[in-house]
Amino acid sequence: MKKDNLKKDIPKRLFSIPEGAVYLGRSVCAMREMIWAGKIQMVRLDRRVYIDKNDLDELIEKSKVRITY
């Protein structure tokens, strides 16, 4: 298997803050505010900050609201 194909086969789990913002459809500033407010956890590897895709999916699931009349 070539190195180029290996990257395509492995799904990405950690997003940078801008990538996480795109995933949620929010701005980078809004993502940072959610991190500072404790709504989203961050992963710090060395000096870089990442957001776990599973945490973003969990936030989406928790935020769902069903309206009944």
Protein backbone atom coordinates (compact mmCIF):
# COMPACT_ATOMS: atom_id res chain seq x y z
CA MET A 1 0.00 0.00 0.00
CA LYS A 2 1.36 3.40 -0.96
CA LYS A 3 1.72 6.20 1.59
CA ASP A 4 -0.77 8.36 -0.34
CA ASN A 5 -3.46 5.68 -0.05
CA LEU A 6 -2.77 5.17 3.65
CA LYS A 7 -3.82 8.75 4.47
CA LYS A 8 -7.07 8.30 2.58
CA ASP A 9 -7.90 5.02 4.35
CA ILE A 10 -7.52 6.31 7.90
CA PRO A 11 -10.38 8.60 8.99
CA LYS A 12 -9.32 11.78 10.74
CA ARG A 13 -10.26 11.91 14.44
CA LEU A 14 -8.53 15.05 15.70
CA PHE A 15 -9.41 18.40 14.15
CA SER A 16 -7.63 21.71 14.49
CA ILE A 17 -9.81 24.51 15.85
CA PRO A 18 -10.52 25.90 12.34
CA GLU A 19 -11.41 22.40 11.08
CA GLY A 20 -13.69 21.86 14.08
CA ALA A 21 -15.35 25.19 13.37
CA VAL A 22 -16.07 24.12 9.80
CA TYR A 23 -17.40 20.76 11.04
CA LEU A 24 -19.89 22.53 13.36
CA GLY A 25 -20.61 25.38 10.97
CA ARG A 26 -19.35 27.93 13.50
CA SER A 27 -16.64 30.57 13.47
CA VAL A 28 -13.19 30.00 14.93
CA CYS A 29 -13.95 32.60 17.62
CA ALA A 30 -17.14 30.73 18.56
CA MET A 31 -15.17 27.48 18.81
CA ARG A 32 -12.60 29.07 21.09
CA GLU A 33 -15.39 30.48 23.28
CA MET A 34 -17.01 27.04 23.55
CA ILE A 35 -13.65 25.58 24.61
CA TRP A 36 -13.09 28.33 27.21
CA ALA A 37 -16.66 27.86 28.51
CA GLY A 38 -16.04 24.13 28.93
CA LYS A 39 -18.66 23.06 26.37
CA ILE A 40 -16.03 21.30 24.27
CA GLN A 41 -12.94 19.52 25.55
CA MET A 42 -9.60 20.04 23.87
CA VAL A 43 -6.67 17.71 23.30
CA ARG A 44 -3.26 19.29 23.78
CA LEU A 45 -0.37 17.54 22.04
CA ASP A 46 2.86 19.41 22.57
CA ARG A 47 1.92 23.02 21.84
CA ARG A 48 -0.92 22.23 19.47
CA VAL A 49 -4.60 22.14 20.37
CA TYR A 50 -7.01 19.69 18.76
CA ILE A 51 -10.68 18.87 19.05
CA ASP A 52 -11.81 15.24 19.11
CA LYS A 53 -14.44 14.53 16.43
CA ASN A 54 -16.24 12.25 18.90
CA ASP A 55 -16.63 15.16 21.33
CA LEU A 56 -18.10 17.30 18.56
CA ASP A 57 -20.55 14.53 17.65
CA GLU A 58 -21.48 14.16 21.33
CA LEU A 59 -22.11 17.92 21.59
CA ILE A 60 -24.38 17.74 18.56
CA GLU A 61 -26.34 14.82 20.04
CA LYS A 62 -26.71 16.55 23.43
CA SER A 63 -27.90 19.76 21.78
CA LYS A 64 -30.74 18.18 19.84
CA VAL A 65 -34.16 19.39 20.87
CA ARG A 66 -37.50 17.87 19.99
CA ILE A 67 -40.45 20.22 20.02
CA THR A 68 -43.85 18.75 20.76
CA TYR A 69 -47.17 20.55 20.73
